[in-house]
Amino acid sequence: MTEKTEIAVVIVAAGRGERAGQSKEGPKQYRTIGGQPVMRRTVAAFAAAPGIGRIVIAIHRDDAALFNEAIG
């Protein structure tokens, strides 16, 4: 019997990004690189990886709107 292993990923993105400096885009996980927010790129990379069965994202309680906008 072959057993499949499901991998879960936890993306910890609740930081404020203060060392990266102030930005109108908010903390660095929501800033854009090459036209896409870092958060969107990160989630897309894990979603496309084989074997990833679950993605859990921890965000700051004040960042729901930023997160929803970044994920699109």
C-alpha atoms as a PDB file:
ATOM      1  CA  MET A   1       0.000   0.000   0.000  1.00  0.00           C
ATOM      2  CA  THR A   2       1.395   3.377  -1.024  1.00  0.00           C
ATOM      3  CA  GLU A   3       0.795   6.237   1.357  1.00  0.00           C
ATOM      4  CA  LYS A   4       0.745   9.824   0.071  1.00  0.00           C
ATOM      5  CA  THR A   5       2.259  12.486   2.244  1.00  0.00           C
ATOM      6  CA  GLU A   6       0.490  15.828   2.301  1.00  0.00           C
ATOM      7  CA  ILE A   7       2.661  18.820   3.070  1.00  0.00           C
ATOM      8  CA  ALA A   8       1.238  21.862   4.831  1.00  0.00           C
ATOM      9  CA  VAL A   9       2.876  25.267   4.524  1.00  0.00           C
ATOM     10  CA  VAL A  10       2.575  28.026   7.108  1.00  0.00           C
ATOM     11  CA  ILE A  11       3.361  31.508   5.816  1.00  0.00           C
ATOM     12  CA  VAL A  12       4.018  33.828   8.743  1.00  0.00           C
ATOM     13  CA  ALA A  13       3.273  37.326   7.445  1.00  0.00           C
ATOM     14  CA  ALA A  14       2.164  39.293  10.486  1.00  0.00           C
ATOM     15  CA  GLY A  15       5.234  41.515  10.739  1.00  0.00           C
ATOM     16  CA  ARG A  16       5.088  45.240  10.313  1.00  0.00           C
ATOM     17  CA  GLY A  17       8.196  45.534   8.103  1.00  0.00           C
ATOM     18  CA  GLU A  18       9.530  48.520  10.038  1.00  0.00           C
ATOM     19  CA  ARG A  19      13.188  47.861   9.173  1.00  0.00           C
ATOM     20  CA  ALA A  20      12.276  48.025   5.478  1.00  0.00           C
ATOM     21  CA  GLY A  21      11.116  51.637   5.926  1.00  0.00           C
ATOM     22  CA  GLN A  22       7.754  53.315   5.455  1.00  0.00           C
ATOM     23  CA  SER A  23       5.760  52.713   2.294  1.00  0.00           C
ATOM     24  CA  LYS A  24       2.297  53.631   1.013  1.00  0.00           C
ATOM     25  CA  GLU A  25       1.873  49.931   0.204  1.00  0.00           C
ATOM     26  CA  GLY A  26       2.204  48.956   3.863  1.00  0.00           C
ATOM     27  CA  PRO A  27       4.388  46.207   5.331  1.00  0.00           C
ATOM     28  CA  LYS A  28       6.874  44.587   2.958  1.00  0.00           C
ATOM     29  CA  GLN A  29       4.795  41.444   2.386  1.00  0.00           C
ATOM     30  CA  TYR A  30       2.241  43.620   0.574  1.00  0.00           C
ATOM     31  CA  ARG A  31       4.712  45.663  -1.472  1.00  0.00           C
ATOM     32  CA  THR A  32       4.995  44.975  -5.169  1.00  0.00           C
ATOM     33  CA  ILE A  33       7.922  43.461  -7.009  1.00  0.00           C
ATOM     34  CA  GLY A  34       7.624  43.253 -10.758  1.00  0.00           C
ATOM     35  CA  GLY A  35       4.009  44.394 -10.597  1.00  0.00           C
ATOM     36  CA  GLN A  36       2.796  41.795  -8.071  1.00  0.00           C
ATOM     37  CA  PRO A  37       2.610  41.911  -4.277  1.00  0.00           C
ATOM     38  CA  VAL A  38       5.196  39.758  -2.489  1.00  0.00           C
ATOM     39  CA  MET A  39       2.331  37.942  -0.725  1.00  0.00           C
ATOM     40  CA  ARG A  40       0.705  36.932  -4.028  1.00  0.00           C
ATOM     41  CA  ARG A  41       4.019  35.684  -5.413  1.00  0.00           C
ATOM     42  CA  THR A  42       4.702  33.676  -2.253  1.00  0.00           C
ATOM     43  CA  VAL A  43       1.285  32.017  -2.164  1.00  0.00           C
ATOM     44  CA  ALA A  44       1.411  31.263  -5.900  1.00  0.00           C
ATOM     45  CA  ALA A  45       4.832  29.633  -5.583  1.00  0.00           C
ATOM     46  CA  PHE A  46       3.676  27.300  -2.821  1.00  0.00           C
ATOM     47  CA  ALA A  47       0.347  26.591  -4.550  1.00  0.00           C
ATOM     48  CA  ALA A  48       2.220  25.474  -7.674  1.00  0.00           C
ATOM     49  CA  ALA A  49       4.662  23.246  -5.783  1.00  0.00           C
ATOM     50  CA  PRO A  50       3.950  19.519  -5.976  1.00  0.00           C
ATOM     51  CA  GLY A  51       2.859  17.843  -2.762  1.00  0.00           C
ATOM     52  CA  ILE A  52       1.560  20.975  -1.050  1.00  0.00           C
ATOM     53  CA  GLY A  53      -1.877  20.119   0.285  1.00  0.00           C
ATOM     54  CA  ARG A  54      -2.605  23.055   2.534  1.00  0.00           C
ATOM     55  CA  ILE A  55      -1.444  26.655   2.858  1.00  0.00           C
ATOM     56  CA  VAL A  56      -2.058  28.513   6.113  1.00  0.00           C
ATOM     57  CA  ILE A  57      -1.272  32.225   6.258  1.00  0.00           C
ATOM     58  CA  ALA A  58      -0.876  34.152   9.512  1.00  0.00           C
ATOM     59  CA  ILE A  59      -1.411  37.888   9.065  1.00  0.00           C
ATOM     60  CA  HIS A  60      -1.577  40.861  11.420  1.00  0.00           C
ATOM     61  CA  ARG A  61      -5.080  41.553  12.700  1.00  0.00           C
ATOM     62  CA  ASP A  62      -5.033  45.002  11.055  1.00  0.00           C
ATOM     63  CA  ASP A  63      -4.038  43.705   7.610  1.00  0.00           C
ATOM     64  CA  ALA A  64      -7.188  41.952   6.347  1.00  0.00           C
ATOM     65  CA  ALA A  65      -7.860  44.580   3.665  1.00  0.00           C
ATOM     66  CA  LEU A  66      -4.206  44.620   2.550  1.00  0.00           C
ATOM     67  CA  PHE A  67      -4.173  40.817   2.415  1.00  0.00           C
ATOM     68  CA  ASN A  68      -7.396  40.588   0.389  1.00  0.00           C
ATOM     69  CA  GLU A  69      -6.130  43.208  -2.053  1.00  0.00           C
ATOM     70  CA  ALA A  70      -2.748  41.487  -2.397  1.00  0.00           C
ATOM     71  CA  ILE A  71      -4.213  38.052  -3.052  1.00  0.00           C
ATOM     72  CA  GLY A  72      -6.779  39.448  -5.473  1.00  0.00           C
END
